C-alpha atoms as a PDB file:
ATOM      1  CA  MET A   1     108.987  77.565 108.317  1.00  0.00           C
ATOM      2  CA  ASN A   2     107.472  80.897 106.893  1.00  0.00           C
ATOM      3  CA  ILE A   3     108.627  84.548 106.634  1.00  0.00           C
ATOM      4  CA  GLY A   4     107.269  86.114 109.258  1.00  0.00           C
ATOM      5  CA  ASP A   5     107.060  83.417 111.816  1.00  0.00           C
ATOM      6  CA  ARG A   6     108.071  84.330 115.400  1.00  0.00           C
ATOM      7  CA  TYR A   7     110.758  81.681 116.809  1.00  0.00           C
ATOM      8  CA  HIS A   8     113.267  81.401 120.167  1.00  0.00           C
ATOM      9  CA  LEU A   9     116.775  80.680 119.029  1.00  0.00           C
ATOM     10  CA  ALA A  10     116.982  77.657 121.368  1.00  0.00           C
ATOM     11  CA  PRO A  11     114.494  75.904 123.884  1.00  0.00           C
ATOM     12  CA  GLY A  12     114.220  78.293 127.050  1.00  0.00           C
ATOM     13  CA  ALA A  13     116.458  81.258 125.038  1.00  0.00           C
ATOM     14  CA  PRO A  14     114.913  84.916 126.205  1.00  0.00           C
ATOM     15  CA  GLY A  15     113.430  86.743 123.420  1.00  0.00           C
ATOM     16  CA  ILE A  16     112.227  86.147 120.139  1.00  0.00           C
ATOM     17  CA  VAL A  17     113.615  86.096 116.594  1.00  0.00           C
ATOM     18  CA  VAL A  18     111.349  87.055 113.481  1.00  0.00           C
ATOM     19  CA  ILE A  19     112.036  85.010 110.138  1.00  0.00           C
ATOM     20  CA  ARG A  20     113.061  87.537 107.534  1.00  0.00           C
ATOM     21  CA  GLU A  21     114.261  85.137 104.458  1.00  0.00           C
ATOM     22  CA  ILE A  22     114.962  81.599 103.939  1.00  0.00           C
ATOM     23  CA  GLN A  23     117.853  80.630 102.045  1.00  0.00           C
ATOM     24  CA  ASP A  24     118.532  77.838  99.456  1.00  0.00           C
ATOM     25  CA  GLY A  25     121.753  76.816 101.307  1.00  0.00           C
ATOM     26  CA  GLY A  26     119.571  76.063 104.677  1.00  0.00           C
ATOM     27  CA  LEU A  27     120.511  79.549 106.724  1.00  0.00           C
ATOM     28  CA  VAL A  28     117.714  81.339 107.810  1.00  0.00           C
ATOM     29  CA  LEU A  29     117.632  85.199 107.884  1.00  0.00           C
ATOM     30  CA  VAL A  30     116.253  86.366 111.278  1.00  0.00           C
ATOM     31  CA  GLU A  31     115.728  89.832 113.005  1.00  0.00           C
ATOM     32  CA  ASN A  32     114.994  90.675 116.907  1.00  0.00           C
ATOM     33  CA  ASP A  33     111.551  90.929 117.500  1.00  0.00           C
ATOM     34  CA  THR A  34     112.002  93.889 119.634  1.00  0.00           C
ATOM     35  CA  PRO A  35     112.776  97.354 117.636  1.00  0.00           C
ATOM     36  CA  GLY A  36     115.677  99.316 119.048  1.00  0.00           C
ATOM     37  CA  PRO A  37     119.094 100.421 118.393  1.00  0.00           C
ATOM     38  CA  GLY A  38     121.684  97.537 117.696  1.00  0.00           C
ATOM     39  CA  VAL A  39     118.825  95.053 116.199  1.00  0.00           C
ATOM     40  CA  TYR A  40     120.096  93.878 112.625  1.00  0.00           C
ATOM     41  CA  PRO A  41     119.288  90.589 111.182  1.00  0.00           C
ATOM     42  CA  TYR A  42     121.548  87.458 110.825  1.00  0.00           C
ATOM     43  CA  LEU A  43     121.903  84.001 109.943  1.00  0.00           C
ATOM     44  CA  VAL A  44     121.117  81.174 111.758  1.00  0.00           C
ATOM     45  CA  LYS A  45     120.759  77.165 111.185  1.00  0.00           C
ATOM     46  CA  PRO A  46     117.109  76.322 111.625  1.00  0.00           C
ATOM     47  CA  ASP A  47     117.773  73.189 113.841  1.00  0.00           C
ATOM     48  CA  THR A  48     117.680  75.158 117.107  1.00  0.00           C
ATOM     49  CA  LEU A  49     114.633  77.174 116.429  1.00  0.00           C
ATOM     50  CA  VAL A  50     111.759  76.711 118.815  1.00  0.00           C
ATOM     51  CA  PRO A  51     108.309  78.446 118.087  1.00  0.00           C
ATOM     52  CA  ALA A  52     107.379  81.273 119.814  1.00  0.00           C
ATOM     53  CA  THR A  53     104.155  80.504 121.669  1.00  0.00           C
ATOM     54  CA  THR A  54     103.432  84.605 123.031  1.00  0.00           C
END
């Protein structure tokens, strides 16, 4: 997992997030891949992230 990598939040989930920061505590700061109003970064646990193939 690297900054800039693209993932789905869970298997089969619509939309893609981009890794913005990897924190020491094990959380990952992600942001929606599609820019627009309401797009903001948020923290998630990396356990459920699935690499995006498109």
